[in-house]
Amino acid sequence: MKPRLIRCYRGFASVKGRFNIEVFYIVPDFGYSKKLFTCIHCGELFMIDLENPRFEGKTSEQIIGINVCPKCGHQLKDTIRPYPEHFRTEDGQIGSFEPNLIIPPDSESLVKEVFEIDCACLDVTDFTDTVERSQIKAV
């Protein structure tokens, strides 16, 4: 996983007792097929580039694979959620946000750094099989 700059827009959400919580979203556009995710345990943001040829025919679960959140150390297969549809506030509340269907002008966009989930295209059973085979060879 590596940090990556993405162009996105800012929105404001609310949760019980809190308002104007800053969230970010990507507008689908020609040649820009990226999807944001969050670790619901700590709130870290991630991006998957759905146009990456290594991901062709793979589900999000297969792409996420055995990746671990660099901020909290939890397995992303257990904690990752679509963002900003789901987000975590600093005080641990879980909220949701639906971006406006009207695309804002480019002048309102900003650049944000998130982690890009690169190809961990092993699913857990593939990883387990590999570990078991390596343990057998070591014996």
Protein backbone atom coordinates (compact mmCIF):
# COMPACT_ATOMS: atom_id res chain seq x y z
CA MET A 1 0.00 0.00 0.00
CA LYS A 2 1.30 3.43 -0.85
CA PRO A 3 0.07 7.01 -0.39
CA ARG A 4 -1.56 8.50 -3.46
CA LEU A 5 -2.95 11.93 -4.28
CA ILE A 6 -6.53 11.99 -5.57
CA ARG A 7 -8.75 14.80 -6.80
CA CYS A 8 -11.97 14.93 -4.83
CA TYR A 9 -14.69 17.21 -3.51
CA ARG A 10 -15.59 18.20 0.03
CA GLY A 11 -18.99 17.56 1.57
CA PHE A 12 -20.41 18.05 5.03
CA ALA A 13 -22.27 15.38 6.98
CA SER A 14 -23.82 15.12 10.40
CA VAL A 15 -24.18 12.46 13.09
CA LYS A 16 -26.09 12.55 16.36
CA GLY A 17 -25.15 15.77 18.13
CA ARG A 18 -22.51 16.86 15.57
CA PHE A 19 -22.81 18.85 12.37
CA ASN A 20 -20.53 19.99 9.54
CA ILE A 21 -18.34 16.90 9.63
CA GLU A 22 -15.99 17.13 6.66
CA VAL A 23 -16.12 14.18 4.25
CA PHE A 24 -14.63 13.75 0.78
CA TYR A 25 -16.00 12.15 -2.36
CA ILE A 26 -14.99 11.34 -5.91
CA VAL A 27 -17.20 12.10 -8.87
CA PRO A 28 -17.27 9.34 -11.49
CA ASP A 29 -15.96 10.67 -14.76
CA PHE A 30 -14.63 9.30 -18.04
CA GLY A 31 -11.29 7.65 -17.35
CA TYR A 32 -11.51 8.20 -13.60
CA SER A 33 -12.86 5.00 -12.13
CA LYS A 34 -11.63 5.13 -8.57
CA LYS A 35 -13.52 4.16 -5.44
CA LEU A 36 -12.95 5.39 -1.89
CA PHE A 37 -13.11 3.17 1.19
CA THR A 38 -12.55 3.67 4.92
CA CYS A 39 -11.38 1.52 7.78
CA ILE A 40 -14.43 1.73 10.01
CA HIS A 41 -12.24 0.93 13.05
CA CYS A 42 -10.02 4.04 12.79
CA GLY A 43 -11.32 6.17 9.89
CA GLU A 44 -8.27 5.89 7.59
CA LEU A 45 -9.09 6.46 3.90
CA PHE A 46 -8.20 4.17 1.00
CA MET A 47 -8.66 4.16 -2.76
CA ILE A 48 -8.98 1.35 -5.27
CA ASP A 49 -8.31 2.13 -8.93
CA LEU A 50 -10.93 -0.04 -10.63
CA GLU A 51 -9.26 0.47 -14.02
CA ASN A 52 -6.08 -1.26 -12.88
CA PRO A 53 -5.68 -4.21 -15.29
CA ARG A 54 -4.49 -6.44 -12.42
CA PHE A 55 -7.94 -6.09 -10.86
CA GLU A 56 -9.90 -7.24 -13.91
CA GLY A 57 -12.46 -9.85 -12.89
CA LYS A 58 -11.66 -9.43 -9.18
CA THR A 59 -14.14 -8.52 -6.46
CA SER A 60 -13.36 -5.79 -3.93
CA GLU A 61 -12.82 -8.52 -1.34
CA GLN A 62 -10.19 -10.19 -3.54
CA ILE A 63 -8.46 -6.87 -4.21
CA ILE A 64 -8.40 -6.00 -0.51
CA GLY A 65 -7.13 -9.51 0.22
CA ILE A 66 -4.80 -9.74 3.18
CA ASN A 67 -4.07 -6.00 3.48
CA VAL A 68 -3.84 -4.50 6.96
CA CYS A 69 -4.75 -0.93 7.86
CA PRO A 70 -1.50 1.01 8.29
CA LYS A 71 -3.06 3.22 10.97
CA CYS A 72 -4.72 0.71 13.33
CA GLY A 73 -3.37 -2.68 12.19
CA HIS A 74 -6.77 -4.34 11.66
CA GLN A 75 -7.38 -6.67 8.73
CA LEU A 76 -9.15 -4.60 6.07
CA LYS A 77 -11.26 -7.57 5.01
CA ASP A 78 -13.03 -7.13 8.37
CA THR A 79 -13.11 -3.33 8.70
CA ILE A 80 -13.27 -1.77 5.24
CA ARG A 81 -16.47 0.00 4.13
CA PRO A 82 -17.41 2.13 1.11
CA TYR A 83 -16.66 5.81 1.76
CA PRO A 84 -18.27 8.36 2.16
CA GLU A 85 -21.36 6.16 2.35
CA HIS A 86 -19.91 5.09 5.72
CA PHE A 87 -17.47 7.11 7.80
CA ARG A 88 -16.10 7.25 11.34
CA THR A 89 -15.79 10.50 13.28
CA GLU A 90 -12.86 11.32 15.57
CA ASP A 91 -15.03 10.46 18.60
CA GLY A 92 -15.93 7.02 17.18
CA GLN A 93 -19.44 7.68 15.87
CA ILE A 94 -20.41 6.03 12.59
CA GLY A 95 -22.18 8.13 10.00
CA SER A 96 -23.20 8.04 6.37
CA PHE A 97 -23.16 10.56 3.55
CA GLU A 98 -24.64 10.55 0.05
CA PRO A 99 -22.95 13.03 -2.31
CA ASN A 100 -25.08 15.42 -4.33
CA LEU A 101 -25.86 14.16 -7.83
CA ILE A 102 -24.88 17.54 -9.28
CA ILE A 103 -21.17 17.61 -10.10
CA PRO A 104 -19.52 20.68 -8.53
CA PRO A 105 -17.29 22.93 -10.64
CA ASP A 106 -13.61 21.92 -10.92
CA SER A 107 -12.68 25.04 -8.95
CA GLU A 108 -14.25 23.41 -5.85
CA SER A 109 -12.13 20.26 -6.11
CA LEU A 110 -9.13 19.60 -3.91
CA VAL A 111 -6.28 17.12 -3.70
CA LYS A 112 -6.19 14.68 -0.79
CA GLU A 113 -3.67 12.00 0.10
CA VAL A 114 -5.09 8.52 0.76
CA PHE A 115 -3.65 5.01 0.71
CA GLU A 116 -4.00 3.16 -2.58
CA ILE A 117 -4.86 -0.48 -2.15
CA ASP A 118 -2.57 -2.17 -4.60
CA CYS A 119 -2.79 -5.74 -5.70
CA ALA A 120 -3.02 -8.07 -2.73
CA CYS A 121 -5.07 -10.21 -5.09
CA LEU A 122 -4.75 -13.28 -2.94
CA ASP A 123 -7.79 -14.27 -1.05
CA VAL A 124 -7.37 -15.62 2.46
CA THR A 125 -7.61 -19.26 1.37
CA ASP A 126 -4.85 -18.72 -1.22
CA PHE A 127 -2.67 -17.20 1.51
CA THR A 128 -3.41 -20.07 3.90
CA ASP A 129 -2.57 -22.66 1.21
CA THR A 130 0.75 -20.88 0.52
CA VAL A 131 1.65 -20.79 4.22
CA GLU A 132 0.78 -24.45 4.71
CA ARG A 133 2.88 -25.46 1.67
CA SER A 134 5.87 -23.44 2.94
CA GLN A 135 5.56 -25.02 6.39
CA ILE A 136 5.51 -28.51 4.85
CA LYS A 137 8.72 -27.75 2.91
CA ALA A 138 10.39 -26.44 6.05
CA VAL A 139 9.73 -29.65 8.02
